[in-house]
Amino acid sequence: MSSTANDAQARQERFEHGMEVLERVDGEVGRRVVESLGDVSPELGHQIVAWGFGEIYSRPQLAPRDRQLVTLGMLTALGGCEPQLEVHVNAALNVGLTPEQIVEALLHASGYCGFPRALNATFVAKKVFAERGLLPVTPD
């Protein structure tokens, strides 16, 4: 097999591995995000899957729930990432975080990111919880 064919095969294998990880974490929502890039930037979709999930997310040093806590904090801190927060609140629930833990993480972020960003993130979480029939959220 030529070097080009080997490269193409390795690229496809990284993508397939990344899709397996993406589906375990984000389910249908993640796949829809990647598919929505197909007519504008399929390469971005490929990189999100192959690199973001196949290479980074699948590393064993952090459990998926811990990765989602970090991701929720970073997206809250960045601000303006509400569509991505929606995907990752769903993912956080998929990997075992409870609504109460997600709300607590976003409350914790308010001290570091400010109330406006924590509020925006919390309203995204509320939307996801409502869609999944998880309201009202009550502390333990």
N, C-alpha and C. Protein backbone atom coordinates (compact mmCIF):
# COMPACT_ATOMS: atom_id res chain seq x y z
N MET A 1 0.85 -1.17 0.00
CA MET A 1 0.00 0.00 0.00
C MET A 1 0.90 1.24 0.00
N SER A 2 0.52 2.23 -0.77
CA SER A 2 1.33 3.44 -0.87
C SER A 2 1.20 4.27 0.40
N SER A 3 2.13 5.19 0.55
CA SER A 3 2.11 6.09 1.70
C SER A 3 0.83 6.91 1.74
N THR A 4 0.36 7.36 0.58
CA THR A 4 -0.87 8.14 0.51
C THR A 4 -2.06 7.29 0.95
N ALA A 5 -2.10 6.03 0.51
CA ALA A 5 -3.18 5.14 0.90
C ALA A 5 -3.12 4.85 2.40
N ASN A 6 -1.91 4.65 2.94
CA ASN A 6 -1.75 4.44 4.38
C ASN A 6 -2.23 5.65 5.16
N ASP A 7 -1.87 6.84 4.69
CA ASP A 7 -2.30 8.08 5.35
C ASP A 7 -3.83 8.20 5.34
N ALA A 8 -4.43 7.89 4.21
CA ALA A 8 -5.89 7.96 4.09
C ALA A 8 -6.56 6.95 5.02
N GLN A 9 -5.98 5.75 5.10
CA GLN A 9 -6.54 4.73 5.97
C GLN A 9 -6.40 5.15 7.44
N ALA A 10 -5.24 5.66 7.81
CA ALA A 10 -5.04 6.11 9.19
C ALA A 10 -5.98 7.26 9.53
N ARG A 11 -6.17 8.17 8.59
CA ARG A 11 -7.09 9.30 8.79
C ARG A 11 -8.51 8.79 9.03
N GLN A 12 -8.94 7.82 8.23
CA GLN A 12 -10.28 7.25 8.37
C GLN A 12 -10.42 6.52 9.70
N GLU A 13 -9.38 5.79 10.11
CA GLU A 13 -9.43 5.07 11.38
C GLU A 13 -9.53 6.03 12.56
N ARG A 14 -8.79 7.16 12.51
CA ARG A 14 -8.88 8.16 13.57
C ARG A 14 -10.29 8.74 13.64
N PHE A 15 -10.88 8.99 12.46
CA PHE A 15 -12.23 9.52 12.41
C PHE A 15 -13.23 8.52 12.99
N GLU A 16 -13.11 7.26 12.61
CA GLU A 16 -14.04 6.24 13.10
C GLU A 16 -13.93 6.08 14.61
N HIS A 17 -12.70 6.09 15.13
CA HIS A 17 -12.50 6.01 16.58
C HIS A 17 -13.12 7.23 17.26
N GLY A 18 -12.89 8.40 16.70
CA GLY A 18 -13.47 9.62 17.25
C GLY A 18 -14.98 9.59 17.25
N MET A 19 -15.60 9.04 16.19
CA MET A 19 -17.06 8.94 16.12
C MET A 19 -17.59 8.02 17.21
N GLU A 20 -16.88 6.94 17.49
CA GLU A 20 -17.30 6.04 18.57
C GLU A 20 -17.32 6.78 19.90
N VAL A 21 -16.27 7.56 20.16
CA VAL A 21 -16.19 8.32 21.41
C VAL A 21 -17.27 9.40 21.43
N LEU A 22 -17.42 10.13 20.34
CA LEU A 22 -18.43 11.18 20.24
C LEU A 22 -19.83 10.62 20.51
N GLU A 23 -20.15 9.50 19.92
CA GLU A 23 -21.48 8.90 20.09
C GLU A 23 -21.71 8.47 21.53
N ARG A 24 -20.67 7.95 22.21
CA ARG A 24 -20.82 7.56 23.61
C ARG A 24 -21.09 8.77 24.49
N VAL A 25 -20.45 9.89 24.18
CA VAL A 25 -20.55 11.08 25.01
C VAL A 25 -21.73 11.95 24.63
N ASP A 26 -21.80 12.34 23.38
CA ASP A 26 -22.79 13.31 22.93
C ASP A 26 -24.02 12.68 22.27
N GLY A 27 -23.93 11.43 21.90
CA GLY A 27 -25.06 10.79 21.24
C GLY A 27 -25.40 11.47 19.93
N GLU A 28 -26.67 11.53 19.65
CA GLU A 28 -27.18 12.09 18.39
C GLU A 28 -26.81 13.57 18.23
N VAL A 29 -26.77 14.31 19.33
CA VAL A 29 -26.50 15.75 19.26
C VAL A 29 -25.13 16.02 18.64
N GLY A 30 -24.13 15.29 19.07
CA GLY A 30 -22.79 15.49 18.52
C GLY A 30 -22.72 15.17 17.05
N ARG A 31 -23.37 14.08 16.66
CA ARG A 31 -23.37 13.70 15.24
C ARG A 31 -24.04 14.79 14.40
N ARG A 32 -25.12 15.37 14.91
CA ARG A 32 -25.81 16.42 14.17
C ARG A 32 -24.92 17.65 13.99
N VAL A 33 -24.14 17.98 15.00
CA VAL A 33 -23.22 19.12 14.88
C VAL A 33 -22.23 18.87 13.76
N VAL A 34 -21.64 17.69 13.75
CA VAL A 34 -20.66 17.35 12.71
C VAL A 34 -21.32 17.34 11.33
N GLU A 35 -22.49 16.75 11.23
CA GLU A 35 -23.20 16.70 9.94
C GLU A 35 -23.56 18.10 9.45
N SER A 36 -23.86 19.00 10.38
CA SER A 36 -24.24 20.36 9.97
C SER A 36 -23.08 21.12 9.33
N LEU A 37 -21.87 20.64 9.51
CA LEU A 37 -20.70 21.27 8.89
C LEU A 37 -20.42 20.73 7.49
N GLY A 38 -21.12 19.68 7.08
CA GLY A 38 -20.84 18.98 5.83
C GLY A 38 -20.86 19.84 4.59
N ASP A 39 -21.73 20.85 4.56
CA ASP A 39 -21.82 21.66 3.35
C ASP A 39 -21.04 22.97 3.43
N VAL A 40 -20.38 23.19 4.57
CA VAL A 40 -19.60 24.42 4.69
C VAL A 40 -18.14 24.15 5.05
N SER A 41 -17.89 23.22 5.98
CA SER A 41 -16.52 22.91 6.36
C SER A 41 -16.43 21.48 6.87
N PRO A 42 -16.51 20.52 5.97
CA PRO A 42 -16.41 19.13 6.40
C PRO A 42 -15.08 18.83 7.09
N GLU A 43 -14.05 19.57 6.75
CA GLU A 43 -12.75 19.34 7.40
C GLU A 43 -12.81 19.71 8.87
N LEU A 44 -13.51 20.79 9.21
CA LEU A 44 -13.67 21.15 10.62
C LEU A 44 -14.40 20.03 11.36
N GLY A 45 -15.46 19.51 10.77
CA GLY A 45 -16.16 18.37 11.36
C GLY A 45 -15.24 17.18 11.56
N HIS A 46 -14.42 16.90 10.54
CA HIS A 46 -13.48 15.79 10.64
C HIS A 46 -12.51 16.00 11.79
N GLN A 47 -11.96 17.20 11.91
CA GLN A 47 -10.98 17.48 12.96
C GLN A 47 -11.60 17.41 14.36
N ILE A 48 -12.83 17.92 14.49
CA ILE A 48 -13.51 17.83 15.79
C ILE A 48 -13.63 16.37 16.21
N VAL A 49 -14.00 15.53 15.26
CA VAL A 49 -14.20 14.11 15.57
C VAL A 49 -12.86 13.41 15.76
N ALA A 50 -11.99 13.48 14.75
CA ALA A 50 -10.74 12.71 14.78
C ALA A 50 -9.78 13.19 15.86
N TRP A 51 -9.59 14.49 15.94
CA TRP A 51 -8.63 15.02 16.91
C TRP A 51 -9.30 15.27 18.26
N GLY A 52 -10.40 16.03 18.25
CA GLY A 52 -11.03 16.42 19.50
C GLY A 52 -11.52 15.24 20.32
N PHE A 53 -12.16 14.28 19.66
CA PHE A 53 -12.70 13.14 20.39
C PHE A 53 -11.81 11.91 20.28
N GLY A 54 -11.26 11.65 19.09
CA GLY A 54 -10.43 10.47 18.90
C GLY A 54 -9.09 10.55 19.59
N GLU A 55 -8.51 11.75 19.63
CA GLU A 55 -7.18 11.91 20.23
C GLU A 55 -7.24 12.50 21.65
N ILE A 56 -7.97 13.58 21.84
CA ILE A 56 -7.96 14.29 23.11
C ILE A 56 -8.96 13.71 24.10
N TYR A 57 -10.22 13.68 23.73
CA TYR A 57 -11.25 13.26 24.66
C TYR A 57 -11.05 11.82 25.13
N SER A 58 -10.50 10.97 24.30
CA SER A 58 -10.36 9.56 24.64
C SER A 58 -9.14 9.25 25.50
N ARG A 59 -8.34 10.25 25.84
CA ARG A 59 -7.18 10.01 26.70
C ARG A 59 -7.66 9.52 28.07
N PRO A 60 -6.95 8.56 28.67
CA PRO A 60 -7.44 7.95 29.91
C PRO A 60 -7.15 8.75 31.19
N GLN A 61 -6.41 9.83 31.12
CA GLN A 61 -6.01 10.53 32.33
C GLN A 61 -7.16 11.23 33.06
N LEU A 62 -8.24 11.56 32.36
CA LEU A 62 -9.44 12.12 32.99
C LEU A 62 -10.65 11.30 32.58
N ALA A 63 -11.51 11.07 33.54
CA ALA A 63 -12.76 10.37 33.25
C ALA A 63 -13.67 11.29 32.43
N PRO A 64 -14.57 10.72 31.63
CA PRO A 64 -15.47 11.56 30.83
C PRO A 64 -16.25 12.58 31.66
N ARG A 65 -16.72 12.23 32.85
CA ARG A 65 -17.47 13.19 33.67
C ARG A 65 -16.56 14.36 34.07
N ASP A 66 -15.31 14.09 34.37
CA ASP A 66 -14.37 15.16 34.73
C ASP A 66 -14.08 16.05 33.52
N ARG A 67 -13.95 15.44 32.36
CA ARG A 67 -13.73 16.23 31.14
C ARG A 67 -14.92 17.16 30.90
N GLN A 68 -16.12 16.67 31.16
CA GLN A 68 -17.29 17.52 30.95
C GLN A 68 -17.35 18.65 31.97
N LEU A 69 -16.98 18.40 33.21
CA LEU A 69 -16.92 19.49 34.20
C LEU A 69 -15.96 20.58 33.74
N VAL A 70 -14.79 20.17 33.28
CA VAL A 70 -13.80 21.14 32.79
C VAL A 70 -14.38 21.90 31.59
N THR A 71 -15.00 21.18 30.68
CA THR A 71 -15.57 21.80 29.48
C THR A 71 -16.66 22.80 29.84
N LEU A 72 -17.55 22.43 30.75
CA LEU A 72 -18.61 23.36 31.17
C LEU A 72 -18.00 24.63 31.76
N GLY A 73 -16.97 24.48 32.57
CA GLY A 73 -16.31 25.65 33.15
C GLY A 73 -15.67 26.54 32.10
N MET A 74 -15.00 25.93 31.15
CA MET A 74 -14.32 26.72 30.11
C MET A 74 -15.31 27.42 29.20
N LEU A 75 -16.37 26.73 28.80
CA LEU A 75 -17.36 27.36 27.93
C LEU A 75 -18.09 28.48 28.65
N THR A 76 -18.33 28.31 29.94
CA THR A 76 -18.93 29.38 30.73
C THR A 76 -17.99 30.57 30.79
N ALA A 77 -16.73 30.31 31.03
CA ALA A 77 -15.74 31.40 31.13
C ALA A 77 -15.60 32.14 29.81
N LEU A 78 -15.63 31.43 28.71
CA LEU A 78 -15.49 32.07 27.41
C LEU A 78 -16.66 33.00 27.11
N GLY A 79 -17.84 32.58 27.48
CA GLY A 79 -19.04 33.36 27.16
C GLY A 79 -19.33 33.29 25.67
N GLY A 80 -20.57 33.48 25.30
CA GLY A 80 -20.95 33.44 23.89
C GLY A 80 -20.92 32.06 23.28
N CYS A 81 -20.85 31.04 24.11
CA CYS A 81 -20.75 29.66 23.63
C CYS A 81 -22.00 28.86 23.98
N GLU A 82 -23.13 29.52 24.01
CA GLU A 82 -24.35 28.85 24.44
C GLU A 82 -24.71 27.64 23.59
N PRO A 83 -24.57 27.67 22.26
CA PRO A 83 -24.87 26.44 21.50
C PRO A 83 -23.96 25.27 21.90
N GLN A 84 -22.69 25.56 22.15
CA GLN A 84 -21.77 24.50 22.57
C GLN A 84 -22.08 24.05 24.00
N LEU A 85 -22.47 24.99 24.85
CA LEU A 85 -22.87 24.63 26.21
C LEU A 85 -24.05 23.67 26.19
N GLU A 86 -25.00 23.91 25.30
CA GLU A 86 -26.16 23.02 25.22
C GLU A 86 -25.73 21.59 24.90
N VAL A 87 -24.82 21.45 23.95
CA VAL A 87 -24.31 20.12 23.61
C VAL A 87 -23.62 19.50 24.81
N HIS A 88 -22.82 20.29 25.52
CA HIS A 88 -22.02 19.73 26.61
C HIS A 88 -22.79 19.54 27.90
N VAL A 89 -23.87 20.28 28.12
CA VAL A 89 -24.75 19.96 29.26
C VAL A 89 -25.39 18.60 29.00
N ASN A 90 -25.85 18.37 27.78
CA ASN A 90 -26.37 17.05 27.43
C ASN A 90 -25.31 15.97 27.62
N ALA A 91 -24.10 16.25 27.16
CA ALA A 91 -23.01 15.28 27.30
C ALA A 91 -22.70 15.01 28.77
N ALA A 92 -22.72 16.07 29.58
CA ALA A 92 -22.45 15.91 31.01
C ALA A 92 -23.48 14.97 31.65
N LEU A 93 -24.72 15.12 31.27
CA LEU A 93 -25.76 14.21 31.76
C LEU A 93 -25.51 12.79 31.25
N ASN A 94 -25.10 12.68 29.99
CA ASN A 94 -24.86 11.36 29.39
C ASN A 94 -23.73 10.61 30.07
N VAL A 95 -22.74 11.32 30.61
CA VAL A 95 -21.59 10.65 31.23
C VAL A 95 -21.70 10.55 32.74
N GLY A 96 -22.89 10.86 33.28
CA GLY A 96 -23.12 10.58 34.69
C GLY A 96 -23.22 11.75 35.65
N LEU A 97 -23.02 12.97 35.16
CA LEU A 97 -23.23 14.10 36.06
C LEU A 97 -24.72 14.29 36.28
N THR A 98 -25.08 14.69 37.48
CA THR A 98 -26.48 14.95 37.78
C THR A 98 -26.79 16.42 37.49
N PRO A 99 -28.06 16.75 37.33
CA PRO A 99 -28.41 18.16 37.17
C PRO A 99 -27.90 19.00 38.35
N GLU A 100 -27.98 18.47 39.55
CA GLU A 100 -27.51 19.20 40.73
C GLU A 100 -26.01 19.48 40.64
N GLN A 101 -25.23 18.52 40.17
CA GLN A 101 -23.78 18.72 40.03
C GLN A 101 -23.48 19.75 38.94
N ILE A 102 -24.23 19.72 37.86
CA ILE A 102 -24.04 20.70 36.79
C ILE A 102 -24.37 22.10 37.29
N VAL A 103 -25.49 22.24 37.98
CA VAL A 103 -25.87 23.55 38.53
C VAL A 103 -24.81 24.03 39.51
N GLU A 104 -24.29 23.15 40.33
CA GLU A 104 -23.26 23.53 41.30
C GLU A 104 -21.98 23.98 40.59
N ALA A 105 -21.61 23.29 39.52
CA ALA A 105 -20.43 23.69 38.76
C ALA A 105 -20.61 25.08 38.16
N LEU A 106 -21.80 25.36 37.66
CA LEU A 106 -22.07 26.68 37.06
C LEU A 106 -22.14 27.76 38.12
N LEU A 107 -22.68 27.42 39.30
CA LEU A 107 -22.66 28.36 40.43
C LEU A 107 -21.22 28.65 40.84
N HIS A 108 -20.41 27.63 40.91
CA HIS A 108 -18.99 27.78 41.24
C HIS A 108 -18.29 28.70 40.24
N ALA A 109 -18.65 28.55 38.97
CA ALA A 109 -18.04 29.37 37.92
C ALA A 109 -18.35 30.85 38.09
N SER A 110 -19.46 31.18 38.75
CA SER A 110 -19.83 32.59 38.89
C SER A 110 -18.75 33.40 39.61
N GLY A 111 -18.06 32.78 40.54
CA GLY A 111 -16.99 33.48 41.26
C GLY A 111 -15.77 33.76 40.42
N TYR A 112 -15.58 33.01 39.39
CA TYR A 112 -14.41 33.15 38.53
C TYR A 112 -14.74 33.82 37.20
N CYS A 113 -15.96 33.62 36.72
CA CYS A 113 -16.35 34.11 35.39
C CYS A 113 -17.29 35.30 35.45
N GLY A 114 -17.92 35.50 36.59
CA GLY A 114 -18.90 36.56 36.73
C GLY A 114 -20.31 36.05 36.61
N PHE A 115 -21.23 36.82 37.20
CA PHE A 115 -22.62 36.41 37.19
C PHE A 115 -23.25 36.36 35.80
N PRO A 116 -22.98 37.33 34.91
CA PRO A 116 -23.63 37.24 33.59
C PRO A 116 -23.31 35.94 32.84
N ARG A 117 -22.07 35.51 32.87
CA ARG A 117 -21.71 34.28 32.16
C ARG A 117 -22.27 33.05 32.86
N ALA A 118 -22.27 33.07 34.19
CA ALA A 118 -22.85 31.95 34.93
C ALA A 118 -24.36 31.89 34.71
N LEU A 119 -25.01 33.04 34.65
CA LEU A 119 -26.45 33.07 34.37
C LEU A 119 -26.75 32.51 32.98
N ASN A 120 -26.01 32.96 31.98
CA ASN A 120 -26.23 32.46 30.62
C ASN A 120 -26.06 30.94 30.58
N ALA A 121 -25.02 30.44 31.22
CA ALA A 121 -24.78 29.00 31.23
C ALA A 121 -25.89 28.26 31.97
N THR A 122 -26.35 28.83 33.08
CA THR A 122 -27.41 28.19 33.86
C THR A 122 -28.72 28.14 33.08
N PHE A 123 -29.01 29.20 32.32
CA PHE A 123 -30.23 29.18 31.50
C PHE A 123 -30.14 28.15 30.38
N VAL A 124 -28.95 27.93 29.84
CA VAL A 124 -28.77 26.85 28.86
C VAL A 124 -29.03 25.51 29.52
N ALA A 125 -28.45 25.32 30.73
CA ALA A 125 -28.67 24.06 31.45
C ALA A 125 -30.16 23.86 31.74
N LYS A 126 -30.84 24.93 32.13
CA LYS A 126 -32.27 24.83 32.41
C LYS A 126 -33.03 24.36 31.17
N LYS A 127 -32.68 24.89 30.01
CA LYS A 127 -33.33 24.48 28.76
C LYS A 127 -33.13 22.98 28.51
N VAL A 128 -31.90 22.52 28.69
CA VAL A 128 -31.60 21.09 28.48
C VAL A 128 -32.36 20.24 29.50
N PHE A 129 -32.34 20.67 30.77
CA PHE A 129 -33.05 19.91 31.80
C PHE A 129 -34.54 19.82 31.47
N ALA A 130 -35.12 20.93 31.01
CA ALA A 130 -36.55 20.94 30.65
C ALA A 130 -36.82 19.97 29.51
N GLU A 131 -35.95 19.98 28.49
CA GLU A 131 -36.12 19.08 27.35
C GLU A 131 -36.04 17.61 27.76
N ARG A 132 -35.27 17.35 28.81
CA ARG A 132 -35.08 15.96 29.26
C ARG A 132 -35.97 15.62 30.45
N GLY A 133 -36.88 16.51 30.82
CA GLY A 133 -37.81 16.25 31.91
C GLY A 133 -37.16 16.20 33.27
N LEU A 134 -36.13 17.02 33.48
CA LEU A 134 -35.36 16.99 34.72
C LEU A 134 -35.58 18.19 35.63
N LEU A 135 -36.62 18.97 35.36
CA LEU A 135 -36.94 20.11 36.22
C LEU A 135 -38.09 19.73 37.14
N PRO A 136 -38.15 20.26 38.33
CA PRO A 136 -37.21 21.20 38.92
C PRO A 136 -35.97 20.46 39.45
N VAL A 137 -34.86 21.18 39.50
CA VAL A 137 -33.62 20.67 40.07
C VAL A 137 -33.65 21.00 41.55
N THR A 138 -33.47 20.01 42.38
CA THR A 138 -33.45 20.23 43.83
C THR A 138 -32.13 19.78 44.39
N PRO A 139 -31.55 20.60 45.27
CA PRO A 139 -30.26 20.20 45.86
C PRO A 139 -30.43 18.95 46.72
N ASP A 140 -29.36 18.19 46.82
CA ASP A 140 -29.37 16.97 47.64
C ASP A 140 -29.55 17.30 49.10
